[in-house]
Amino acid sequence: LRHKLLKMMYDSKLSKKYSVEKLMLELSKIRKIVLANGKEVTSEITK
């Protein structure tokens, strides 16, 4: 999985800006919350 992500990063030129760890840390901040009524809400996604 790590090497697949790394290949995707190289193909999309993200490897110039992010390391795998930094990219995963940034994406780990996104949350999906299930409300009491069953509706799913995704937290605000940053730029």
ModelCIF file with pLDDT and N, C-alpha, C, O atoms, coordinates in Angstrom:
data_MODEL
#
_entry.id   MODEL 
#
_entity.id                         1 
_entity.type                       polymer 
_entity.pdbx_number_of_molecules   1 
#
_entity_poly.entity_id                      1 
_entity_poly.type                           'polypeptide(L)' 
_entity_poly.nstd_linkage                   no 
_entity_poly.nstd_monomer                   no 
_entity_poly.pdbx_seq_one_letter_code       LRHKLLKMMYDSKLSKKYSVEKLMLELSKIRKIVLANGKEVTSEITK 
_entity_poly.pdbx_seq_one_letter_code_can   LRHKLLKMMYDSKLSKKYSVEKLMLELSKIRKIVLANGKEVTSEITK 
_entity_poly.pdbx_strand_id                 A 
#
loop_
_entity_poly_seq.entity_id 
_entity_poly_seq.num 
_entity_poly_seq.mon_id 
_entity_poly_seq.hetero 
1 1  LEU n 
1 2  ARG n 
1 3  HIS n 
1 4  LYS n 
1 5  LEU n 
1 6  LEU n 
1 7  LYS n 
1 8  MET n 
1 9  MET n 
1 10 TYR n 
1 11 ASP n 
1 12 SER n 
1 13 LYS n 
1 14 LEU n 
1 15 SER n 
1 16 LYS n 
1 17 LYS n 
1 18 TYR n 
1 19 SER n 
1 20 VAL n 
1 21 GLU n 
1 22 LYS n 
1 23 LEU n 
1 24 MET n 
1 25 LEU n 
1 26 GLU n 
1 27 LEU n 
1 28 SER n 
1 29 LYS n 
1 30 ILE n 
1 31 ARG n 
1 32 LYS n 
1 33 ILE n 
1 34 VAL n 
1 35 LEU n 
1 36 ALA n 
1 37 ASN n 
1 38 GLY n 
1 39 LYS n 
1 40 GLU n 
1 41 VAL n 
1 42 THR n 
1 43 SER n 
1 44 GLU n 
1 45 ILE n 
1 46 THR n 
1 47 LYS n 
#
_struct_asym.id          A 
_struct_asym.entity_id   1 
#
loop_
_ma_qa_metric.id 
_ma_qa_metric.mode 
_ma_qa_metric.name 
_ma_qa_metric.software_group_id 
_ma_qa_metric.type 
1 global pLDDT . pLDDT 
2 local  pLDDT . pLDDT 
#
_ma_qa_metric_global.metric_id      1 
_ma_qa_metric_global.metric_value   86.96 
_ma_qa_metric_global.model_id       1 
_ma_qa_metric_global.ordinal_id     1 
#
loop_
_ma_qa_metric_local.label_asym_id 
_ma_qa_metric_local.label_comp_id 
_ma_qa_metric_local.label_seq_id 
_ma_qa_metric_local.metric_id 
_ma_qa_metric_local.metric_value 
_ma_qa_metric_local.model_id 
_ma_qa_metric_local.ordinal_id 
A LEU 1  2 87.00 1 1  
A ARG 2  2 85.00 1 2  
A HIS 3  2 84.00 1 3  
A LYS 4  2 88.00 1 4  
A LEU 5  2 89.00 1 5  
A LEU 6  2 87.00 1 6  
A LYS 7  2 89.00 1 7  
A MET 8  2 91.00 1 8  
A MET 9  2 91.00 1 9  
A TYR 10 2 90.00 1 10 
A ASP 11 2 91.00 1 11 
A SER 12 2 92.00 1 12 
A LYS 13 2 90.00 1 13 
A LEU 14 2 90.00 1 14 
A SER 15 2 87.00 1 15 
A LYS 16 2 88.00 1 16 
A LYS 17 2 89.00 1 17 
A TYR 18 2 89.00 1 18 
A SER 19 2 87.00 1 19 
A VAL 20 2 86.00 1 20 
A GLU 21 2 85.00 1 21 
A LYS 22 2 90.00 1 22 
A LEU 23 2 90.00 1 23 
A MET 24 2 88.00 1 24 
A LEU 25 2 90.00 1 25 
A GLU 26 2 90.00 1 26 
A LEU 27 2 87.00 1 27 
A SER 28 2 86.00 1 28 
A LYS 29 2 87.00 1 29 
A ILE 30 2 85.00 1 30 
A ARG 31 2 83.00 1 31 
A LYS 32 2 81.00 1 32 
A ILE 33 2 81.00 1 33 
A VAL 34 2 82.00 1 34 
A LEU 35 2 85.00 1 35 
A ALA 36 2 87.00 1 36 
A ASN 37 2 89.00 1 37 
A GLY 38 2 84.00 1 38 
A LYS 39 2 86.00 1 39 
A GLU 40 2 83.00 1 40 
A VAL 41 2 82.00 1 41 
A THR 42 2 82.00 1 42 
A SER 43 2 82.00 1 43 
A GLU 44 2 86.00 1 44 
A ILE 45 2 86.00 1 45 
A THR 46 2 89.00 1 46 
A LYS 47 2 91.00 1 47 
#
loop_
_atom_site.group_PDB 
_atom_site.id 
_atom_site.type_symbol 
_atom_site.label_atom_id 
_atom_site.label_alt_id 
_atom_site.label_comp_id 
_atom_site.label_asym_id 
_atom_site.label_entity_id 
_atom_site.label_seq_id 
_atom_site.pdbx_PDB_ins_code 
_atom_site.Cartn_x 
_atom_site.Cartn_y 
_atom_site.Cartn_z 
_atom_site.occupancy 
_atom_site.B_iso_or_equiv 
_atom_site.pdbx_formal_charge 
_atom_site.auth_seq_id 
_atom_site.auth_comp_id 
_atom_site.auth_asym_id 
_atom_site.auth_atom_id 
_atom_site.pdbx_PDB_model_num 
ATOM 1   N N  . LEU A 1 1  ? 0.819   -1.209 0.000   1.00 87.00 ? 1  LEU A N  1 
ATOM 2   C CA . LEU A 1 1  ? 0.000   0.000  0.000   1.00 87.00 ? 1  LEU A CA 1 
ATOM 3   C C  . LEU A 1 1  ? 0.855   1.262  0.000   1.00 87.00 ? 1  LEU A C  1 
ATOM 4   O O  . LEU A 1 1  ? 0.542   2.229  -0.693  1.00 87.00 ? 1  LEU A O  1 
ATOM 5   N N  . ARG A 1 2  ? 1.935   1.249  0.779   1.00 85.00 ? 2  ARG A N  1 
ATOM 6   C CA . ARG A 1 2  ? 2.814   2.421  0.841   1.00 85.00 ? 2  ARG A CA 1 
ATOM 7   C C  . ARG A 1 2  ? 3.438   2.708  -0.521  1.00 85.00 ? 2  ARG A C  1 
ATOM 8   O O  . ARG A 1 2  ? 3.499   3.859  -0.953  1.00 85.00 ? 2  ARG A O  1 
ATOM 9   N N  . HIS A 1 3  ? 3.899   1.660  -1.193  1.00 84.00 ? 3  HIS A N  1 
ATOM 10  C CA . HIS A 1 3  ? 4.533   1.873  -2.487  1.00 84.00 ? 3  HIS A CA 1 
ATOM 11  C C  . HIS A 1 3  ? 3.519   2.220  -3.580  1.00 84.00 ? 3  HIS A C  1 
ATOM 12  O O  . HIS A 1 3  ? 3.855   2.936  -4.523  1.00 84.00 ? 3  HIS A O  1 
ATOM 13  N N  . LYS A 1 4  ? 2.314   1.734  -3.467  1.00 88.00 ? 4  LYS A N  1 
ATOM 14  C CA . LYS A 1 4  ? 1.256   2.137  -4.402  1.00 88.00 ? 4  LYS A CA 1 
ATOM 15  C C  . LYS A 1 4  ? 0.950   3.627  -4.225  1.00 88.00 ? 4  LYS A C  1 
ATOM 16  O O  . LYS A 1 4  ? 0.817   4.359  -5.205  1.00 88.00 ? 4  LYS A O  1 
ATOM 17  N N  . LEU A 1 5  ? 0.840   4.071  -2.964  1.00 89.00 ? 5  LEU A N  1 
ATOM 18  C CA . LEU A 1 5  ? 0.606   5.489  -2.694  1.00 89.00 ? 5  LEU A CA 1 
ATOM 19  C C  . LEU A 1 5  ? 1.779   6.334  -3.189  1.00 89.00 ? 5  LEU A C  1 
ATOM 20  O O  . LEU A 1 5  ? 1.577   7.404  -3.763  1.00 89.00 ? 5  LEU A O  1 
ATOM 21  N N  . LEU A 1 6  ? 2.987   5.863  -2.970  1.00 87.00 ? 6  LEU A N  1 
ATOM 22  C CA . LEU A 1 6  ? 4.172   6.593  -3.425  1.00 87.00 ? 6  LEU A CA 1 
ATOM 23  C C  . LEU A 1 6  ? 4.177   6.722  -4.943  1.00 87.00 ? 6  LEU A C  1 
ATOM 24  O O  . LEU A 1 6  ? 4.520   7.780  -5.470  1.00 87.00 ? 6  LEU A O  1 
ATOM 25  N N  . LYS A 1 7  ? 3.805   5.671  -5.644  1.00 89.00 ? 7  LYS A N  1 
ATOM 26  C CA . LYS A 1 7  ? 3.731   5.731  -7.107  1.00 89.00 ? 7  LYS A CA 1 
ATOM 27  C C  . LYS A 1 7  ? 2.661   6.726  -7.552  1.00 89.00 ? 7  LYS A C  1 
ATOM 28  O O  . LYS A 1 7  ? 2.877   7.493  -8.491  1.00 89.00 ? 7  LYS A O  1 
ATOM 29  N N  . MET A 1 8  ? 1.512   6.714  -6.883  1.00 91.00 ? 8  MET A N  1 
ATOM 30  C CA . MET A 1 8  ? 0.461   7.676  -7.206  1.00 91.00 ? 8  MET A CA 1 
ATOM 31  C C  . MET A 1 8  ? 0.943   9.101  -6.959  1.00 91.00 ? 8  MET A C  1 
ATOM 32  O O  . MET A 1 8  ? 0.620   10.009 -7.724  1.00 91.00 ? 8  MET A O  1 
ATOM 33  N N  . MET A 1 9  ? 1.717   9.298  -5.891  1.00 91.00 ? 9  MET A N  1 
ATOM 34  C CA . MET A 1 9  ? 2.247   10.625 -5.591  1.00 91.00 ? 9  MET A CA 1 
ATOM 35  C C  . MET A 1 9  ? 3.233   11.080 -6.669  1.00 91.00 ? 9  MET A C  1 
ATOM 36  O O  . MET A 1 9  ? 3.202   12.238 -7.086  1.00 91.00 ? 9  MET A O  1 
ATOM 37  N N  . TYR A 1 10 ? 4.107   10.176 -7.121  1.00 90.00 ? 10 TYR A N  1 
ATOM 38  C CA . TYR A 1 10 ? 5.056   10.540 -8.176  1.00 90.00 ? 10 TYR A CA 1 
ATOM 39  C C  . TYR A 1 10 ? 4.337   10.858 -9.481  1.00 90.00 ? 10 TYR A C  1 
ATOM 40  O O  . TYR A 1 10 ? 4.694   11.808 -10.176 1.00 90.00 ? 10 TYR A O  1 
ATOM 41  N N  . ASP A 1 11 ? 3.327   10.062 -9.810  1.00 91.00 ? 11 ASP A N  1 
ATOM 42  C CA . ASP A 1 11 ? 2.593   10.289 -11.050 1.00 91.00 ? 11 ASP A CA 1 
ATOM 43  C C  . ASP A 1 11 ? 1.856   11.622 -11.041 1.00 91.00 ? 11 ASP A C  1 
ATOM 44  O O  . ASP A 1 11 ? 1.739   12.271 -12.080 1.00 91.00 ? 11 ASP A O  1 
ATOM 45  N N  . SER A 1 12 ? 1.359   12.034 -9.879  1.00 92.00 ? 12 SER A N  1 
ATOM 46  C CA . SER A 1 12 ? 0.611   13.291 -9.786  1.00 92.00 ? 12 SER A CA 1 
ATOM 47  C C  . SER A 1 12 ? 1.477   14.470 -9.329  1.00 92.00 ? 12 SER A C  1 
ATOM 48  O O  . SER A 1 12 ? 0.959   15.560 -9.085  1.00 92.00 ? 12 SER A O  1 
ATOM 49  N N  . LYS A 1 13 ? 2.772   14.258 -9.214  1.00 90.00 ? 13 LYS A N  1 
ATOM 50  C CA . LYS A 1 13 ? 3.738   15.309 -8.831  1.00 90.00 ? 13 LYS A CA 1 
ATOM 51  C C  . LYS A 1 13 ? 3.556   15.798 -7.386  1.00 90.00 ? 13 LYS A C  1 
ATOM 52  O O  . LYS A 1 13 ? 4.068   16.858 -7.024  1.00 90.00 ? 13 LYS A O  1 
ATOM 53  N N  . LEU A 1 14 ? 2.836   15.037 -6.567  1.00 90.00 ? 14 LEU A N  1 
ATOM 54  C CA . LEU A 1 14 ? 2.676   15.424 -5.158  1.00 90.00 ? 14 LEU A CA 1 
ATOM 55  C C  . LEU A 1 14 ? 3.941   15.143 -4.348  1.00 90.00 ? 14 LEU A C  1 
ATOM 56  O O  . LEU A 1 14 ? 4.131   15.717 -3.276  1.00 90.00 ? 14 LEU A O  1 
ATOM 57  N N  . SER A 1 15 ? 4.799   14.269 -4.851  1.00 87.00 ? 15 SER A N  1 
ATOM 58  C CA . SER A 1 15 ? 6.003   13.913 -4.103  1.00 87.00 ? 15 SER A CA 1 
ATOM 59  C C  . SER A 1 15 ? 6.971   15.081 -3.982  1.00 87.00 ? 15 SER A C  1 
ATOM 60  O O  . SER A 1 15 ? 7.858   15.064 -3.127  1.00 87.00 ? 15 SER A O  1 
ATOM 61  N N  . LYS A 1 16 ? 6.813   16.094 -4.824  1.00 88.00 ? 16 LYS A N  1 
ATOM 62  C CA . LYS A 1 16 ? 7.674   17.277 -4.721  1.00 88.00 ? 16 LYS A CA 1 
ATOM 63  C C  . LYS A 1 16 ? 7.276   18.134 -3.527  1.00 88.00 ? 16 LYS A C  1 
ATOM 64  O O  . LYS A 1 16 ? 8.090   18.882 -2.987  1.00 88.00 ? 16 LYS A O  1 
ATOM 65  N N  . LYS A 1 17 ? 6.007   18.016 -3.118  1.00 89.00 ? 17 LYS A N  1 
ATOM 66  C CA . LYS A 1 17 ? 5.474   18.866 -2.061  1.00 89.00 ? 17 LYS A CA 1 
ATOM 67  C C  . LYS A 1 17 ? 5.302   18.142 -0.726  1.00 89.00 ? 17 LYS A C  1 
ATOM 68  O O  . LYS A 1 17 ? 5.420   18.756 0.334   1.00 89.00 ? 17 LYS A O  1 
ATOM 69  N N  . TYR A 1 18 ? 5.024   16.840 -0.777  1.00 89.00 ? 18 TYR A N  1 
ATOM 70  C CA . TYR A 1 18 ? 4.691   16.073 0.425   1.00 89.00 ? 18 TYR A CA 1 
ATOM 71  C C  . TYR A 1 18 ? 5.502   14.790 0.500   1.00 89.00 ? 18 TYR A C  1 
ATOM 72  O O  . TYR A 1 18 ? 5.838   14.188 -0.520  1.00 89.00 ? 18 TYR A O  1 
ATOM 73  N N  . SER A 1 19 ? 5.808   14.385 1.717   1.00 87.00 ? 19 SER A N  1 
ATOM 74  C CA . SER A 1 19 ? 6.289   13.024 1.945   1.00 87.00 ? 19 SER A CA 1 
ATOM 75  C C  . SER A 1 19 ? 5.057   12.157 2.181   1.00 87.00 ? 19 SER A C  1 
ATOM 76  O O  . SER A 1 19 ? 3.957   12.680 2.357   1.00 87.00 ? 19 SER A O  1 
ATOM 77  N N  . VAL A 1 20 ? 5.230   10.849 2.185   1.00 86.00 ? 20 VAL A N  1 
ATOM 78  C CA . VAL A 1 20 ? 4.092   9.954  2.427   1.00 86.00 ? 20 VAL A CA 1 
ATOM 79  C C  . VAL A 1 20 ? 3.512   10.222 3.810   1.00 86.00 ? 20 VAL A C  1 
ATOM 80  O O  . VAL A 1 20 ? 2.293   10.255 3.977   1.00 86.00 ? 20 VAL A O  1 
ATOM 81  N N  . GLU A 1 21 ? 4.373   10.410 4.791   1.00 85.00 ? 21 GLU A N  1 
ATOM 82  C CA . GLU A 1 21 ? 3.919   10.642 6.156   1.00 85.00 ? 21 GLU A CA 1 
ATOM 83  C C  . GLU A 1 21 ? 3.148   11.952 6.271   1.00 85.00 ? 21 GLU A C  1 
ATOM 84  O O  . GLU A 1 21 ? 2.104   12.009 6.920   1.00 85.00 ? 21 GLU A O  1 
ATOM 85  N N  . LYS A 1 22 ? 3.665   13.003 5.640   1.00 90.00 ? 22 LYS A N  1 
ATOM 86  C CA . LYS A 1 22 ? 3.000   14.307 5.699   1.00 90.00 ? 22 LYS A CA 1 
ATOM 87  C C  . LYS A 1 22 ? 1.652   14.251 4.983   1.00 90.00 ? 22 LYS A C  1 
ATOM 88  O O  . LYS A 1 22 ? 0.672   14.835 5.446   1.00 90.00 ? 22 LYS A O  1 
ATOM 89  N N  . LEU A 1 23 ? 1.607   13.548 3.857   1.00 90.00 ? 23 LEU A N  1 
ATOM 90  C CA . LEU A 1 23 ? 0.352   13.416 3.126   1.00 90.00 ? 23 LEU A CA 1 
ATOM 91  C C  . LEU A 1 23 ? -0.683  12.649 3.953   1.00 90.00 ? 23 LEU A C  1 
ATOM 92  O O  . LEU A 1 23 ? -1.847  13.046 4.014   1.00 90.00 ? 23 LEU A O  1 
ATOM 93  N N  . MET A 1 24 ? -0.271  11.569 4.579   1.00 88.00 ? 24 MET A N  1 
ATOM 94  C CA . MET A 1 24 ? -1.190  10.774 5.395   1.00 88.00 ? 24 MET A CA 1 
ATOM 95  C C  . MET A 1 24 ? -1.661  11.567 6.613   1.00 88.00 ? 24 MET A C  1 
ATOM 96  O O  . MET A 1 24 ? -2.822  11.461 7.008   1.00 88.00 ? 24 MET A O  1 
ATOM 97  N N  . LEU A 1 25 ? -0.782  12.348 7.201   1.00 90.00 ? 25 LEU A N  1 
ATOM 98  C CA . LEU A 1 25 ? -1.161  13.176 8.340   1.00 90.00 ? 25 LEU A CA 1 
ATOM 99  C C  . LEU A 1 25 ? -2.213  14.208 7.932   1.00 90.00 ? 25 LEU A C  1 
ATOM 100 O O  . LEU A 1 25 ? -3.175  14.447 8.662   1.00 90.00 ? 25 LEU A O  1 
ATOM 101 N N  . GLU A 1 26 ? -2.023  14.808 6.773   1.00 90.00 ? 26 GLU A N  1 
ATOM 102 C CA . GLU A 1 26 ? -2.972  15.806 6.287   1.00 90.00 ? 26 GLU A CA 1 
ATOM 103 C C  . GLU A 1 26 ? -4.330  15.175 6.001   1.00 90.00 ? 26 GLU A C  1 
ATOM 104 O O  . GLU A 1 26 ? -5.364  15.747 6.347   1.00 90.00 ? 26 GLU A O  1 
ATOM 105 N N  . LEU A 1 27 ? -4.336  14.009 5.376   1.00 87.00 ? 27 LEU A N  1 
ATOM 106 C CA . LEU A 1 27 ? -5.605  13.354 5.048   1.00 87.00 ? 27 LEU A CA 1 
ATOM 107 C C  . LEU A 1 27 ? -6.283  12.736 6.272   1.00 87.00 ? 27 LEU A C  1 
ATOM 108 O O  . LEU A 1 27 ? -7.497  12.533 6.276   1.00 87.00 ? 27 LEU A O  1 
ATOM 109 N N  . SER A 1 28 ? -5.502  12.440 7.304   1.00 86.00 ? 28 SER A N  1 
ATOM 110 C CA . SER A 1 28 ? -6.098  11.835 8.500   1.00 86.00 ? 28 SER A CA 1 
ATOM 111 C C  . SER A 1 28 ? -6.965  12.824 9.288   1.00 86.00 ? 28 SER A C  1 
ATOM 112 O O  . SER A 1 28 ? -7.712  12.425 10.180  1.00 86.00 ? 28 SER A O  1 
ATOM 113 N N  . LYS A 1 29 ? -6.862  14.085 8.960   1.00 87.00 ? 29 LYS A N  1 
ATOM 114 C CA . LYS A 1 29 ? -7.663  15.103 9.654   1.00 87.00 ? 29 LYS A CA 1 
ATOM 115 C C  . LYS A 1 29 ? -9.099  15.160 9.151   1.00 87.00 ? 29 LYS A C  1 
ATOM 116 O O  . LYS A 1 29 ? -9.952  15.787 9.779   1.00 87.00 ? 29 LYS A O  1 
ATOM 117 N N  . ILE A 1 30 ? -9.371  14.512 8.026   1.00 85.00 ? 30 ILE A N  1 
ATOM 118 C CA . ILE A 1 30 ? -10.732 14.498 7.474   1.00 85.00 ? 30 ILE A CA 1 
ATOM 119 C C  . ILE A 1 30 ? -11.543 13.477 8.264   1.00 85.00 ? 30 ILE A C  1 
ATOM 120 O O  . ILE A 1 30 ? -11.089 12.357 8.497   1.00 85.00 ? 30 ILE A O  1 
ATOM 121 N N  . ARG A 1 31 ? -12.737 13.869 8.669   1.00 83.00 ? 31 ARG A N  1 
ATOM 122 C CA . ARG A 1 31 ? -13.608 12.991 9.456   1.00 83.00 ? 31 ARG A CA 1 
ATOM 123 C C  . ARG A 1 31 ? -14.975 12.878 8.806   1.00 83.00 ? 31 ARG A C  1 
ATOM 124 O O  . ARG A 1 31 ? -15.473 13.831 8.207   1.00 83.00 ? 31 ARG A O  1 
ATOM 125 N N  . LYS A 1 32 ? -15.569 11.714 8.929   1.00 81.00 ? 32 LYS A N  1 
ATOM 126 C CA . LYS A 1 32 ? -16.955 11.502 8.538   1.00 81.00 ? 32 LYS A CA 1 
ATOM 127 C C  . LYS A 1 32 ? -17.706 11.100 9.794   1.00 81.00 ? 32 LYS A C  1 
ATOM 128 O O  . LYS A 1 32 ? -17.358 10.122 10.456  1.00 81.00 ? 32 LYS A O  1 
ATOM 129 N N  . ILE A 1 33 ? -18.728 11.858 10.109  1.00 81.00 ? 33 ILE A N  1 
ATOM 130 C CA . ILE A 1 33 ? -19.471 11.677 11.353  1.00 81.00 ? 33 ILE A CA 1 
ATOM 131 C C  . ILE A 1 33 ? -20.874 11.185 11.024  1.00 81.00 ? 33 ILE A C  1 
ATOM 132 O O  . ILE A 1 33 ? -21.526 11.695 10.112  1.00 81.00 ? 33 ILE A O  1 
ATOM 133 N N  . VAL A 1 34 ? -21.324 10.197 11.770  1.00 82.00 ? 34 VAL A N  1 
ATOM 134 C CA . VAL A 1 34 ? -22.685 9.698  11.601  1.00 82.00 ? 34 VAL A CA 1 
ATOM 135 C C  . VAL A 1 34 ? -23.541 10.316 12.695  1.00 82.00 ? 34 VAL A C  1 
ATOM 136 O O  . VAL A 1 34 ? -23.295 10.109 13.883  1.00 82.00 ? 34 VAL A O  1 
ATOM 137 N N  . LEU A 1 35 ? -24.540 11.072 12.285  1.00 85.00 ? 35 LEU A N  1 
ATOM 138 C CA . LEU A 1 35 ? -25.428 11.736 13.234  1.00 85.00 ? 35 LEU A CA 1 
ATOM 139 C C  . LEU A 1 35 ? -26.428 10.738 13.810  1.00 85.00 ? 35 LEU A C  1 
ATOM 140 O O  . LEU A 1 35 ? -26.540 9.609  13.333  1.00 85.00 ? 35 LEU A O  1 
ATOM 141 N N  . ALA A 1 36 ? -27.155 11.173 14.846  1.00 87.00 ? 36 ALA A N  1 
ATOM 142 C CA . ALA A 1 36 ? -28.121 10.297 15.514  1.00 87.00 ? 36 ALA A CA 1 
ATOM 143 C C  . ALA A 1 36 ? -29.209 9.816  14.565  1.00 87.00 ? 36 ALA A C  1 
ATOM 144 O O  . ALA A 1 36 ? -29.728 8.712  14.726  1.00 87.00 ? 36 ALA A O  1 
ATOM 145 N N  . ASN A 1 37 ? -29.557 10.632 13.580  1.00 89.00 ? 37 ASN A N  1 
ATOM 146 C CA . ASN A 1 37 ? -30.611 10.238 12.636  1.00 89.00 ? 37 ASN A CA 1 
ATOM 147 C C  . ASN A 1 37 ? -30.074 9.353  11.497  1.00 89.00 ? 37 ASN A C  1 
ATOM 148 O O  . ASN A 1 37 ? -30.822 8.995  10.588  1.00 89.00 ? 37 ASN A O  1 
ATOM 149 N N  . GLY A 1 38 ? -28.781 9.002  11.547  1.00 84.00 ? 38 GLY A N  1 
ATOM 150 C CA . GLY A 1 38 ? -28.187 8.117  10.542  1.00 84.00 ? 38 GLY A CA 1 
ATOM 151 C C  . GLY A 1 38 ? -27.540 8.840  9.372   1.00 84.00 ? 38 GLY A C  1 
ATOM 152 O O  . GLY A 1 38 ? -26.923 8.196  8.523   1.00 84.00 ? 38 GLY A O  1 
ATOM 153 N N  . LYS A 1 39 ? -27.661 10.145 9.305   1.00 86.00 ? 39 LYS A N  1 
ATOM 154 C CA . LYS A 1 39 ? -27.090 10.923 8.210   1.00 86.00 ? 39 LYS A CA 1 
ATOM 155 C C  . LYS A 1 39 ? -25.574 11.054 8.420   1.00 86.00 ? 39 LYS A C  1 
ATOM 156 O O  . LYS A 1 39 ? -25.106 11.296 9.532   1.00 86.00 ? 39 LYS A O  1 
ATOM 157 N N  . GLU A 1 40 ? -24.823 10.887 7.327   1.00 83.00 ? 40 GLU A N  1 
ATOM 158 C CA . GLU A 1 40 ? -23.365 11.005 7.384   1.00 83.00 ? 40 GLU A CA 1 
ATOM 159 C C  . GLU A 1 40 ? -22.941 12.400 6.934   1.00 83.00 ? 40 GLU A C  1 
ATOM 160 O O  . GLU A 1 40 ? -23.392 12.897 5.902   1.00 83.00 ? 40 GLU A O  1 
ATOM 161 N N  . VAL A 1 41 ? -22.071 13.020 7.722   1.00 82.00 ? 41 VAL A N  1 
ATOM 162 C CA . VAL A 1 41 ? -21.572 14.358 7.423   1.00 82.00 ? 41 VAL A CA 1 
ATOM 163 C C  . VAL A 1 41 ? -20.049 14.309 7.422   1.00 82.00 ? 41 VAL A C  1 
ATOM 164 O O  . VAL A 1 41 ? -19.435 13.827 8.374   1.00 82.00 ? 41 VAL A O  1 
ATOM 165 N N  . THR A 1 42 ? -19.444 14.811 6.348   1.00 82.00 ? 42 THR A N  1 
ATOM 166 C CA . THR A 1 42 ? -17.988 14.875 6.265   1.00 82.00 ? 42 THR A CA 1 
ATOM 167 C C  . THR A 1 42 ? -17.527 16.222 6.791   1.00 82.00 ? 42 THR A C  1 
ATOM 168 O O  . THR A 1 42 ? -18.126 17.255 6.492   1.00 82.00 ? 42 THR A O  1 
ATOM 169 N N  . SER A 1 43 ? -16.449 16.204 7.584   1.00 82.00 ? 43 SER A N  1 
ATOM 170 C CA . SER A 1 43 ? -15.921 17.464 8.111   1.00 82.00 ? 43 SER A CA 1 
ATOM 171 C C  . SER A 1 43 ? -15.452 18.342 6.956   1.00 82.00 ? 43 SER A C  1 
ATOM 172 O O  . SER A 1 43 ? -15.277 17.872 5.832   1.00 82.00 ? 43 SER A O  1 
ATOM 173 N N  . GLU A 1 44 ? -15.253 19.611 7.248   1.00 86.00 ? 44 GLU A N  1 
ATOM 174 C CA . GLU A 1 44 ? -14.827 20.540 6.211   1.00 86.00 ? 44 GLU A CA 1 
ATOM 175 C C  . GLU A 1 44 ? -13.465 20.124 5.665   1.00 86.00 ? 44 GLU A C  1 
ATOM 176 O O  . GLU A 1 44 ? -12.554 19.797 6.424   1.00 86.00 ? 44 GLU A O  1 
ATOM 177 N N  . ILE A 1 45 ? -13.339 20.141 4.353   1.00 86.00 ? 45 ILE A N  1 
ATOM 178 C CA . ILE A 1 45 ? -12.097 19.749 3.696   1.00 86.00 ? 45 ILE A CA 1 
ATOM 179 C C  . ILE A 1 45 ? -11.314 21.006 3.355   1.00 86.00 ? 45 ILE A C  1 
ATOM 180 O O  . ILE A 1 45 ? -11.823 21.902 2.682   1.00 86.00 ? 45 ILE A O  1 
ATOM 181 N N  . THR A 1 46 ? -10.080 21.066 3.822   1.00 89.00 ? 46 THR A N  1 
ATOM 182 C CA . THR A 1 46 ? -9.244  22.254 3.596   1.00 89.00 ? 46 THR A CA 1 
ATOM 183 C C  . THR A 1 46 ? -8.739  22.286 2.154   1.00 89.00 ? 46 THR A C  1 
ATOM 184 O O  . THR A 1 46 ? -8.915  21.339 1.388   1.00 89.00 ? 46 THR A O  1 
ATOM 185 N N  . LYS A 1 47 ? -8.108  23.403 1.815   1.00 91.00 ? 47 LYS A N  1 
ATOM 186 C CA . LYS A 1 47 ? -7.580  23.572 0.465   1.00 91.00 ? 47 LYS A CA 1 
ATOM 187 C C  . LYS A 1 47 ? -6.482  22.543 0.175   1.00 91.00 ? 47 LYS A C  1 
ATOM 188 O O  . LYS A 1 47 ? -5.918  22.533 -0.919  1.00 91.00 ? 47 LYS A O  1 
#
